[in-house]
Amino acid sequence: MSGHFTHAFDIAVDHPCFAGHFPGFPVLPAVAQFSLLTEALSILHHGQTCVITSIPVAKFLCPIRPGTTVTVELRPGEANSAEFALHCSNTVATKGKLTFTMIAA
């Protein structure tokens, strides 16, 4: 697969992942960001279940706050790999590389 794929996610102000992360300055935890990547991979692969197997590179450049629209960008590579970026208001919040596998239905 070549080119790139994007999908936007609206992050609810009251999403449970913000509870305690962090009091007074809530930010989207890395695990929730990786969940968005998994969901975007599944959409890219027409609903097939995808599981991230490794994230050898991840850079967290700015916090993702409640009520934000996050656009996930995937640039597929070879052998179930991809470069990714999570954008908020035209700013790259997180970027890196991942590998994944698809689970047969």
PDB file of N, CA and C in Angstrom:
ATOM      1  N   MET A   1       0.854  -1.166   0.000  1.00  0.00           N
ATOM      2  CA  MET A   1       0.000   0.000   0.000  1.00  0.00           C
ATOM      3  C   MET A   1       0.903   1.232   0.000  1.00  0.00           C
ATOM      4  N   SER A   2       0.568   2.204  -0.828  1.00  0.00           N
ATOM      5  CA  SER A   2       1.408   3.392  -0.918  1.00  0.00           C
ATOM      6  C   SER A   2       0.596   4.634  -0.607  1.00  0.00           C
ATOM      7  N   GLY A   3       1.272   5.783  -0.606  1.00  0.00           N
ATOM      8  CA  GLY A   3       0.582   7.028  -0.309  1.00  0.00           C
ATOM      9  C   GLY A   3       0.410   7.236   1.175  1.00  0.00           C
ATOM     10  N   HIS A   4      -0.684   7.921   1.515  1.00  0.00           N
ATOM     11  CA  HIS A   4      -0.943   8.123   2.932  1.00  0.00           C
ATOM     12  C   HIS A   4      -2.442   8.121   3.186  1.00  0.00           C
ATOM     13  N   PHE A   5      -2.794   7.934   4.430  1.00  0.00           N
ATOM     14  CA  PHE A   5      -4.179   7.815   4.869  1.00  0.00           C
ATOM     15  C   PHE A   5      -4.361   8.740   6.058  1.00  0.00           C
ATOM     16  N   THR A   6      -5.496   9.449   6.112  1.00  0.00           N
ATOM     17  CA  THR A   6      -5.794  10.277   7.278  1.00  0.00           C
ATOM     18  C   THR A   6      -7.204   9.988   7.767  1.00  0.00           C
ATOM     19  N   HIS A   7      -7.385  10.127   9.058  1.00  0.00           N
ATOM     20  CA  HIS A   7      -8.712   9.981   9.669  1.00  0.00           C
ATOM     21  C   HIS A   7      -8.755  10.875  10.908  1.00  0.00           C
ATOM     22  N   ALA A   8      -9.860  11.604  11.062  1.00  0.00           N
ATOM     23  CA  ALA A   8     -10.008  12.527  12.195  1.00  0.00           C
ATOM     24  C   ALA A   8     -10.831  11.892  13.307  1.00  0.00           C
ATOM     25  N   PHE A   9     -10.408  12.134  14.541  1.00  0.00           N
ATOM     26  CA  PHE A   9     -11.093  11.668  15.742  1.00  0.00           C
ATOM     27  C   PHE A   9     -11.351  12.873  16.642  1.00  0.00           C
ATOM     28  N   ASP A  10     -12.571  13.006  17.125  1.00  0.00           N
ATOM     29  CA  ASP A  10     -12.892  14.044  18.104  1.00  0.00           C
ATOM     30  C   ASP A  10     -12.689  13.466  19.500  1.00  0.00           C
ATOM     31  N   ILE A  11     -11.862  14.115  20.294  1.00  0.00           N
ATOM     32  CA  ILE A  11     -11.561  13.653  21.648  1.00  0.00           C
ATOM     33  C   ILE A  11     -12.492  14.382  22.610  1.00  0.00           C
ATOM     34  N   ALA A  12     -13.402  13.639  23.214  1.00  0.00           N
ATOM     35  CA  ALA A  12     -14.408  14.230  24.104  1.00  0.00           C
ATOM     36  C   ALA A  12     -13.762  14.850  25.338  1.00  0.00           C
ATOM     37  N   VAL A  13     -14.320  15.959  25.764  1.00  0.00           N
ATOM     38  CA  VAL A  13     -13.829  16.649  26.959  1.00  0.00           C
ATOM     39  C   VAL A  13     -13.915  15.739  28.181  1.00  0.00           C
ATOM     40  N   ASP A  14     -14.952  14.909  28.229  1.00  0.00           N
ATOM     41  CA  ASP A  14     -15.170  14.053  29.397  1.00  0.00           C
ATOM     42  C   ASP A  14     -14.686  12.616  29.191  1.00  0.00           C
ATOM     43  N   HIS A  15     -13.787  12.397  28.230  1.00  0.00           N
ATOM     44  CA  HIS A  15     -13.267  11.045  27.999  1.00  0.00           C
ATOM     45  C   HIS A  15     -12.628  10.535  29.292  1.00  0.00           C
ATOM     46  N   PRO A  16     -12.931   9.285  29.681  1.00  0.00           N
ATOM     47  CA  PRO A  16     -12.422   8.760  30.957  1.00  0.00           C
ATOM     48  C   PRO A  16     -10.896   8.720  31.077  1.00  0.00           C
ATOM     49  N   CYS A  17     -10.181   8.712  29.958  1.00  0.00           N
ATOM     50  CA  CYS A  17      -8.718   8.634  30.051  1.00  0.00           C
ATOM     51  C   CYS A  17      -8.102   9.886  30.658  1.00  0.00           C
ATOM     52  N   PHE A  18      -8.866  10.986  30.704  1.00  0.00           N
ATOM     53  CA  PHE A  18      -8.330  12.222  31.276  1.00  0.00           C
ATOM     54  C   PHE A  18      -8.369  12.242  32.802  1.00  0.00           C
ATOM     55  N   ALA A  19      -9.162  11.360  33.406  1.00  0.00           N
ATOM     56  CA  ALA A  19      -9.269  11.328  34.872  1.00  0.00           C
ATOM     57  C   ALA A  19      -7.904  10.978  35.473  1.00  0.00           C
ATOM     58  N   GLY A  20      -7.332  11.901  36.186  1.00  0.00           N
ATOM     59  CA  GLY A  20      -6.044  11.654  36.841  1.00  0.00           C
ATOM     60  C   GLY A  20      -4.839  11.811  35.934  1.00  0.00           C
ATOM     61  N   HIS A  21      -5.021  12.231  34.698  1.00  0.00           N
ATOM     62  CA  HIS A  21      -3.896  12.338  33.761  1.00  0.00           C
ATOM     63  C   HIS A  21      -3.911  13.709  33.104  1.00  0.00           C
ATOM     64  N   PHE A  22      -3.617  14.701  33.629  1.00  0.00           N
ATOM     65  CA  PHE A  22      -3.078  15.022  34.950  1.00  0.00           C
ATOM     66  C   PHE A  22      -4.013  16.045  35.589  1.00  0.00           C
ATOM     67  N   PRO A  23      -4.222  15.974  36.891  1.00  0.00           N
ATOM     68  CA  PRO A  23      -5.118  16.929  37.554  1.00  0.00           C
ATOM     69  C   PRO A  23      -4.697  18.381  37.271  1.00  0.00           C
ATOM     70  N   GLY A  24      -5.656  19.181  36.817  1.00  0.00           N
ATOM     71  CA  GLY A  24      -5.377  20.579  36.518  1.00  0.00           C
ATOM     72  C   GLY A  24      -4.836  20.830  35.125  1.00  0.00           C
ATOM     73  N   PHE A  25      -4.325  19.808  34.466  1.00  0.00           N
ATOM     74  CA  PHE A  25      -3.803  19.946  33.102  1.00  0.00           C
ATOM     75  C   PHE A  25      -3.961  18.607  32.382  1.00  0.00           C
ATOM     76  N   PRO A  26      -5.215  18.246  32.042  1.00  0.00           N
ATOM     77  CA  PRO A  26      -5.435  16.940  31.419  1.00  0.00           C
ATOM     78  C   PRO A  26      -4.838  16.852  30.013  1.00  0.00           C
ATOM     79  N   VAL A  27      -4.169  15.736  29.748  1.00  0.00           N
ATOM     80  CA  VAL A  27      -3.604  15.458  28.425  1.00  0.00           C
ATOM     81  C   VAL A  27      -3.944  14.021  28.038  1.00  0.00           C
ATOM     82  N   LEU A  28      -4.010  13.771  26.739  1.00  0.00           N
ATOM     83  CA  LEU A  28      -4.316  12.440  26.232  1.00  0.00           C
ATOM     84  C   LEU A  28      -3.111  11.529  26.454  1.00  0.00           C
ATOM     85  N   PRO A  29      -3.272  10.454  27.238  1.00  0.00           N
ATOM     86  CA  PRO A  29      -2.148   9.555  27.509  1.00  0.00           C
ATOM     87  C   PRO A  29      -1.644   8.864  26.235  1.00  0.00           C
ATOM     88  N   ALA A  30      -0.400   8.448  26.255  1.00  0.00           N
ATOM     89  CA  ALA A  30       0.195   7.758  25.106  1.00  0.00           C
ATOM     90  C   ALA A  30      -0.615   6.526  24.722  1.00  0.00           C
ATOM     91  N   VAL A  31      -1.071   5.763  25.700  1.00  0.00           N
ATOM     92  CA  VAL A  31      -1.827   4.545  25.386  1.00  0.00           C
ATOM     93  C   VAL A  31      -3.108   4.881  24.629  1.00  0.00           C
ATOM     94  N   ALA A  32      -3.745   5.995  24.934  1.00  0.00           N
ATOM     95  CA  ALA A  32      -4.945   6.417  24.205  1.00  0.00           C
ATOM     96  C   ALA A  32      -4.578   6.874  22.791  1.00  0.00           C
ATOM     97  N   GLN A  33      -3.431   7.502  22.643  1.00  0.00           N
ATOM     98  CA  GLN A  33      -2.976   7.901  21.311  1.00  0.00           C
ATOM     99  C   GLN A  33      -2.703   6.667  20.453  1.00  0.00           C
ATOM    100  N   PHE A  34      -2.088   5.649  21.059  1.00  0.00           N
ATOM    101  CA  PHE A  34      -1.806   4.421  20.324  1.00  0.00           C
ATOM    102  C   PHE A  34      -3.096   3.687  19.973  1.00  0.00           C
ATOM    103  N   SER A  35      -4.114   3.820  20.808  1.00  0.00           N
ATOM    104  CA  SER A  35      -5.424   3.250  20.504  1.00  0.00           C
ATOM    105  C   SER A  35      -6.020   3.908  19.253  1.00  0.00           C
ATOM    106  N   LEU A  36      -5.839   5.217  19.114  1.00  0.00           N
ATOM    107  CA  LEU A  36      -6.293   5.906  17.904  1.00  0.00           C
ATOM    108  C   LEU A  36      -5.563   5.374  16.670  1.00  0.00           C
ATOM    109  N   LEU A  37      -4.273   5.096  16.816  1.00  0.00           N
ATOM    110  CA  LEU A  37      -3.508   4.530  15.703  1.00  0.00           C
ATOM    111  C   LEU A  37      -4.058   3.168  15.302  1.00  0.00           C
ATOM    112  N   THR A  38      -4.370   2.328  16.297  1.00  0.00           N
ATOM    113  CA  THR A  38      -4.922   1.003  16.021  1.00  0.00           C
ATOM    114  C   THR A  38      -6.256   1.119  15.295  1.00  0.00           C
ATOM    115  N   GLU A  39      -7.095   2.035  15.752  1.00  0.00           N
ATOM    116  CA  GLU A  39      -8.396   2.237  15.115  1.00  0.00           C
ATOM    117  C   GLU A  39      -8.228   2.737  13.680  1.00  0.00           C
ATOM    118  N   ALA A  40      -7.299   3.648  13.459  1.00  0.00           N
ATOM    119  CA  ALA A  40      -7.047   4.152  12.106  1.00  0.00           C
ATOM    120  C   ALA A  40      -6.520   3.044  11.193  1.00  0.00           C
ATOM    121  N   LEU A  41      -5.643   2.190  11.712  1.00  0.00           N
ATOM    122  CA  LEU A  41      -5.150   1.054  10.922  1.00  0.00           C
ATOM    123  C   LEU A  41      -6.300   0.148  10.502  1.00  0.00           C
ATOM    124  N   SER A  42      -7.214  -0.108  11.424  1.00  0.00           N
ATOM    125  CA  SER A  42      -8.370  -0.953  11.125  1.00  0.00           C
ATOM    126  C   SER A  42      -9.247  -0.323  10.041  1.00  0.00           C
ATOM    127  N   ILE A  43      -9.455   0.984  10.120  1.00  0.00           N
ATOM    128  CA  ILE A  43     -10.244   1.680   9.093  1.00  0.00           C
ATOM    129  C   ILE A  43      -9.528   1.593   7.743  1.00  0.00           C
ATOM    130  N   LEU A  44      -8.217   1.817   7.751  1.00  0.00           N
ATOM    131  CA  LEU A  44      -7.421   1.735   6.528  1.00  0.00           C
ATOM    132  C   LEU A  44      -7.539   0.359   5.881  1.00  0.00           C
ATOM    133  N   HIS A  45      -7.597  -0.675   6.711  1.00  0.00           N
ATOM    134  CA  HIS A  45      -7.653  -2.058   6.219  1.00  0.00           C
ATOM    135  C   HIS A  45      -9.080  -2.601   6.225  1.00  0.00           C
ATOM    136  N   HIS A  46     -10.041  -1.701   5.967  1.00  0.00           N
ATOM    137  CA  HIS A  46     -11.443  -2.059   5.723  1.00  0.00           C
ATOM    138  C   HIS A  46     -12.066  -2.864   6.853  1.00  0.00           C
ATOM    139  N   GLY A  47     -11.784  -2.472   8.077  1.00  0.00           N
ATOM    140  CA  GLY A  47     -12.414  -3.086   9.240  1.00  0.00           C
ATOM    141  C   GLY A  47     -11.711  -4.310   9.786  1.00  0.00           C
ATOM    142  N   GLN A  48     -10.620  -4.717   9.157  1.00  0.00           N
ATOM    143  CA  GLN A  48      -9.881  -5.868   9.669  1.00  0.00           C
ATOM    144  C   GLN A  48      -9.206  -5.481  10.986  1.00  0.00           C
ATOM    145  N   THR A  49      -9.211  -6.396  11.939  1.00  0.00           N
ATOM    146  CA  THR A  49      -8.592  -6.126  13.232  1.00  0.00           C
ATOM    147  C   THR A  49      -7.077  -6.027  13.073  1.00  0.00           C
ATOM    148  N   CYS A  50      -6.513  -4.914  13.512  1.00  0.00           N
ATOM    149  CA  CYS A  50      -5.070  -4.696  13.455  1.00  0.00           C
ATOM    150  C   CYS A  50      -4.542  -4.534  14.876  1.00  0.00           C
ATOM    151  N   VAL A  51      -3.364  -5.077  15.109  1.00  0.00           N
ATOM    152  CA  VAL A  51      -2.713  -4.991  16.412  1.00  0.00           C
ATOM    153  C   VAL A  51      -1.313  -4.431  16.198  1.00  0.00           C
ATOM    154  N   ILE A  52      -0.986  -3.384  16.931  1.00  0.00           N
ATOM    155  CA  ILE A  52       0.366  -2.828  16.863  1.00  0.00           C
ATOM    156  C   ILE A  52       1.308  -3.792  17.576  1.00  0.00           C
ATOM    157  N   THR A  53       2.378  -4.187  16.886  1.00  0.00           N
ATOM    158  CA  THR A  53       3.340  -5.123  17.471  1.00  0.00           C
ATOM    159  C   THR A  53       4.590  -4.425  18.001  1.00  0.00           C
ATOM    160  N   SER A  54       4.905  -3.257  17.460  1.00  0.00           N
ATOM    161  CA  SER A  54       6.031  -2.495  18.007  1.00  0.00           C
ATOM    162  C   SER A  54       5.916  -1.034  17.593  1.00  0.00           C
ATOM    163  N   ILE A  55       6.479  -0.198  18.437  1.00  0.00           N
ATOM    164  CA  ILE A  55       6.601   1.229  18.142  1.00  0.00           C
ATOM    165  C   ILE A  55       8.053   1.594  18.460  1.00  0.00           C
ATOM    166  N   PRO A  56       8.955   1.358  17.492  1.00  0.00           N
ATOM    167  CA  PRO A  56      10.368   1.595  17.771  1.00  0.00           C
ATOM    168  C   PRO A  56      10.729   3.067  17.934  1.00  0.00           C
ATOM    169  N   VAL A  57       9.908   3.949  17.358  1.00  0.00           N
ATOM    170  CA  VAL A  57      10.167   5.386  17.468  1.00  0.00           C
ATOM    171  C   VAL A  57       8.850   6.087  17.762  1.00  0.00           C
ATOM    172  N   ALA A  58       8.830   6.892  18.822  1.00  0.00           N
ATOM    173  CA  ALA A  58       7.672   7.740  19.121  1.00  0.00           C
ATOM    174  C   ALA A  58       8.186   9.026  19.757  1.00  0.00           C
ATOM    175  N   LYS A  59       7.777  10.143  19.198  1.00  0.00           N
ATOM    176  CA  LYS A  59       8.165  11.446  19.738  1.00  0.00           C
ATOM    177  C   LYS A  59       6.892  12.207  20.086  1.00  0.00           C
ATOM    178  N   PHE A  60       6.793  12.614  21.334  1.00  0.00           N
ATOM    179  CA  PHE A  60       5.649  13.367  21.829  1.00  0.00           C
ATOM    180  C   PHE A  60       6.057  14.837  21.853  1.00  0.00           C
ATOM    181  N   LEU A  61       5.546  15.601  20.896  1.00  0.00           N
ATOM    182  CA  LEU A  61       6.019  16.962  20.676  1.00  0.00           C
ATOM    183  C   LEU A  61       5.199  18.022  21.390  1.00  0.00           C
ATOM    184  N   CYS A  62       3.900  17.765  21.578  1.00  0.00           N
ATOM    185  CA  CYS A  62       3.062  18.690  22.339  1.00  0.00           C
ATOM    186  C   CYS A  62       1.851  17.927  22.870  1.00  0.00           C
ATOM    187  N   PRO A  63       1.293  18.381  23.990  1.00  0.00           N
ATOM    188  CA  PRO A  63       0.180  17.653  24.608  1.00  0.00           C
ATOM    189  C   PRO A  63      -1.100  17.754  23.782  1.00  0.00           C
ATOM    190  N   ILE A  64      -1.884  16.688  23.835  1.00  0.00           N
ATOM    191  CA  ILE A  64      -3.207  16.674  23.215  1.00  0.00           C
ATOM    192  C   ILE A  64      -4.217  16.867  24.335  1.00  0.00           C
ATOM    193  N   ARG A  65      -4.986  17.933  24.234  1.00  0.00           N
ATOM    194  CA  ARG A  65      -5.896  18.344  25.308  1.00  0.00           C
ATOM    195  C   ARG A  65      -7.326  17.870  25.041  1.00  0.00           C
ATOM    196  N   PRO A  66      -8.156  17.830  26.077  1.00  0.00           N
ATOM    197  CA  PRO A  66      -9.562  17.453  25.903  1.00  0.00           C
ATOM    198  C   PRO A  66     -10.272  18.377  24.914  1.00  0.00           C
ATOM    199  N   GLY A  67     -11.233  17.800  24.183  1.00  0.00           N
ATOM    200  CA  GLY A  67     -12.016  18.584  23.242  1.00  0.00           C
ATOM    201  C   GLY A  67     -11.331  18.863  21.917  1.00  0.00           C
ATOM    202  N   THR A  68     -10.230  18.209  21.679  1.00  0.00           N
ATOM    203  CA  THR A  68      -9.427  18.421  20.474  1.00  0.00           C
ATOM    204  C   THR A  68      -9.852  17.459  19.368  1.00  0.00           C
ATOM    205  N   THR A  69      -9.752  17.906  18.126  1.00  0.00           N
ATOM    206  CA  THR A  69      -9.865  16.990  16.993  1.00  0.00           C
ATOM    207  C   THR A  69      -8.455  16.567  16.620  1.00  0.00           C
ATOM    208  N   VAL A  70      -8.228  15.259  16.632  1.00  0.00           N
ATOM    209  CA  VAL A  70      -6.918  14.697  16.302  1.00  0.00           C
ATOM    210  C   VAL A  70      -7.023  14.034  14.934  1.00  0.00           C
ATOM    211  N   THR A  71      -6.160  14.440  14.023  1.00  0.00           N
ATOM    212  CA  THR A  71      -6.100  13.788  12.719  1.00  0.00           C
ATOM    213  C   THR A  71      -4.907  12.847  12.716  1.00  0.00           C
ATOM    214  N   VAL A  72      -5.206  11.567  12.515  1.00  0.00           N
ATOM    215  CA  VAL A  72      -4.159  10.551  12.440  1.00  0.00           C
ATOM    216  C   VAL A  72      -3.746  10.417  10.980  1.00  0.00           C
ATOM    217  N   GLU A  73      -2.457  10.515  10.738  1.00  0.00           N
ATOM    218  CA  GLU A  73      -1.904  10.316   9.398  1.00  0.00           C
ATOM    219  C   GLU A  73      -1.028   9.074   9.424  1.00  0.00           C
ATOM    220  N   LEU A  74      -1.283   8.168   8.497  1.00  0.00           N
ATOM    221  CA  LEU A  74      -0.476   6.958   8.353  1.00  0.00           C
ATOM    222  C   LEU A  74       0.151   6.950   6.968  1.00  0.00           C
ATOM    223  N   ARG A  75       1.439   6.664   6.930  1.00  0.00           N
ATOM    224  CA  ARG A  75       2.150   6.490   5.662  1.00  0.00           C
ATOM    225  C   ARG A  75       2.674   5.058   5.653  1.00  0.00           C
ATOM    226  N   PRO A  76       1.889   4.152   5.037  1.00  0.00           N
ATOM    227  CA  PRO A  76       2.271   2.738   5.051  1.00  0.00           C
ATOM    228  C   PRO A  76       3.623   2.504   4.394  1.00  0.00           C
ATOM    229  N   GLY A  77       4.371   1.566   4.992  1.00  0.00           N
ATOM    230  CA  GLY A  77       5.654   1.148   4.450  1.00  0.00           C
ATOM    231  C   GLY A  77       5.582  -0.312   4.050  1.00  0.00           C
ATOM    232  N   GLU A  78       6.717  -0.962   4.045  1.00  0.00           N
ATOM    233  CA  GLU A  78       6.773  -2.374   3.683  1.00  0.00           C
ATOM    234  C   GLU A  78       6.534  -3.252   4.901  1.00  0.00           C
ATOM    235  N   ALA A  79       6.067  -4.460   4.655  1.00  0.00           N
ATOM    236  CA  ALA A  79       5.927  -5.508   5.679  1.00  0.00           C
ATOM    237  C   ALA A  79       5.172  -5.037   6.916  1.00  0.00           C
ATOM    238  N   ASN A  80       3.948  -4.543   6.702  1.00  0.00           N
ATOM    239  CA  ASN A  80       3.091  -4.124   7.817  1.00  0.00           C
ATOM    240  C   ASN A  80       3.766  -3.109   8.734  1.00  0.00           C
ATOM    241  N   SER A  81       4.333  -2.102   8.138  1.00  0.00           N
ATOM    242  CA  SER A  81       4.931  -1.013   8.910  1.00  0.00           C
ATOM    243  C   SER A  81       4.339   0.303   8.416  1.00  0.00           C
ATOM    244  N   ALA A  82       4.479   1.328   9.224  1.00  0.00           N
ATOM    245  CA  ALA A  82       3.981   2.645   8.828  1.00  0.00           C
ATOM    246  C   ALA A  82       4.673   3.724   9.642  1.00  0.00           C
ATOM    247  N   GLU A  83       4.796   4.890   9.040  1.00  0.00           N
ATOM    248  CA  GLU A  83       5.141   6.092   9.785  1.00  0.00           C
ATOM    249  C   GLU A  83       3.819   6.735  10.159  1.00  0.00           C
ATOM    250  N   PHE A  84       3.776   7.374  11.314  1.00  0.00           N
ATOM    251  CA  PHE A  84       2.528   7.986  11.749  1.00  0.00           C
ATOM    252  C   PHE A  84       2.770   9.376  12.295  1.00  0.00           C
ATOM    253  N   ALA A  85       1.695  10.163  12.268  1.00  0.00           N
ATOM    254  CA  ALA A  85       1.693  11.480  12.908  1.00  0.00           C
ATOM    255  C   ALA A  85       0.280  11.744  13.401  1.00  0.00           C
ATOM    256  N   LEU A  86       0.176  12.313  14.586  1.00  0.00           N
ATOM    257  CA  LEU A  86      -1.091  12.776  15.129  1.00  0.00           C
ATOM    258  C   LEU A  86      -1.038  14.294  15.105  1.00  0.00           C
ATOM    259  N   HIS A  87      -1.983  14.896  14.389  1.00  0.00           N
ATOM    260  CA  HIS A  87      -2.024  16.343  14.204  1.00  0.00           C
ATOM    261  C   HIS A  87      -3.158  16.947  15.020  1.00  0.00           C
ATOM    262  N   CYS A  88      -2.889  18.088  15.639  1.00  0.00           N
ATOM    263  CA  CYS A  88      -3.902  18.888  16.335  1.00  0.00           C
ATOM    264  C   CYS A  88      -3.758  20.317  15.831  1.00  0.00           C
ATOM    265  N   SER A  89      -4.818  20.851  15.251  1.00  0.00           N
ATOM    266  CA  SER A  89      -4.785  22.236  14.756  1.00  0.00           C
ATOM    267  C   SER A  89      -3.560  22.497  13.889  1.00  0.00           C
ATOM    268  N   ASN A  90      -3.314  21.616  12.937  1.00  0.00           N
ATOM    269  CA  ASN A  90      -2.195  21.741  11.992  1.00  0.00           C
ATOM    270  C   ASN A  90      -0.820  21.676  12.643  1.00  0.00           C
ATOM    271  N   THR A  91      -0.759  21.172  13.864  1.00  0.00           N
ATOM    272  CA  THR A  91       0.509  20.987  14.566  1.00  0.00           C
ATOM    273  C   THR A  91       0.720  19.500  14.807  1.00  0.00           C
ATOM    274  N   VAL A  92       1.926  19.010  14.550  1.00  0.00           N
ATOM    275  CA  VAL A  92       2.220  17.608  14.838  1.00  0.00           C
ATOM    276  C   VAL A  92       2.411  17.467  16.340  1.00  0.00           C
ATOM    277  N   ALA A  93       1.533  16.681  16.965  1.00  0.00           N
ATOM    278  CA  ALA A  93       1.613  16.456  18.405  1.00  0.00           C
ATOM    279  C   ALA A  93       2.482  15.249  18.726  1.00  0.00           C
ATOM    280  N   THR A  94       2.350  14.204  17.916  1.00  0.00           N
ATOM    281  CA  THR A  94       3.085  12.958  18.132  1.00  0.00           C
ATOM    282  C   THR A  94       3.439  12.387  16.769  1.00  0.00           C
ATOM    283  N   LYS A  95       4.630  11.801  16.665  1.00  0.00           N
ATOM    284  CA  LYS A  95       5.012  11.150  15.414  1.00  0.00           C
ATOM    285  C   LYS A  95       5.926   9.981  15.713  1.00  0.00           C
ATOM    286  N   GLY A  96       6.025   9.065  14.751  1.00  0.00           N
ATOM    287  CA  GLY A  96       6.896   7.923  14.942  1.00  0.00           C
ATOM    288  C   GLY A  96       6.718   6.872  13.874  1.00  0.00           C
ATOM    289  N   LYS A  97       7.159   5.669  14.220  1.00  0.00           N
ATOM    290  CA  LYS A  97       7.076   4.514  13.325  1.00  0.00           C
ATOM    291  C   LYS A  97       6.484   3.355  14.106  1.00  0.00           C
ATOM    292  N   LEU A  98       5.746   2.504  13.394  1.00  0.00           N
ATOM    293  CA  LEU A  98       5.151   1.342  14.041  1.00  0.00           C
ATOM    294  C   LEU A  98       5.150   0.155  13.096  1.00  0.00           C
ATOM    295  N   THR A  99       5.006  -1.023  13.683  1.00  0.00           N
ATOM    296  CA  THR A  99       4.723  -2.237  12.926  1.00  0.00           C
ATOM    297  C   THR A  99       3.446  -2.821  13.497  1.00  0.00           C
ATOM    298  N   PHE A 100       2.751  -3.588  12.674  1.00  0.00           N
ATOM    299  CA  PHE A 100       1.475  -4.143  13.103  1.00  0.00           C
ATOM    300  C   PHE A 100       1.224  -5.473  12.415  1.00  0.00           C
ATOM    301  N   THR A 101       0.235  -6.181  12.920  1.00  0.00           N
ATOM    302  CA  THR A 101      -0.223  -7.408  12.288  1.00  0.00           C
ATOM    303  C   THR A 101      -1.730  -7.339  12.167  1.00  0.00           C
ATOM    304  N   MET A 102      -2.247  -8.068  11.203  1.00  0.00           N
ATOM    305  CA  MET A 102      -3.693  -8.148  11.033  1.00  0.00           C
ATOM    306  C   MET A 102      -4.145  -9.526  11.499  1.00  0.00           C
ATOM    307  N   ILE A 103      -5.239  -9.547  12.242  1.00  0.00           N
ATOM    308  CA  ILE A 103      -5.768 -10.794  12.781  1.00  0.00           C
ATOM    309  C   ILE A 103      -6.890 -11.278  11.875  1.00  0.00           C
ATOM    310  N   ALA A 104      -6.793 -12.532  11.458  1.00  0.00           N
ATOM    311  CA  ALA A 104      -7.819 -13.101  10.582  1.00  0.00           C
ATOM    312  C   ALA A 104      -9.147 -13.178  11.319  1.00  0.00           C
ATOM    313  N   ALA A 105     -10.206 -12.899  10.587  1.00  0.00           N
ATOM    314  CA  ALA A 105     -11.552 -12.924  11.190  1.00  0.00           C
ATOM    315  C   ALA A 105     -12.035 -14.340  11.406  1.00  0.00           C
TER     316      ALA A 105
END
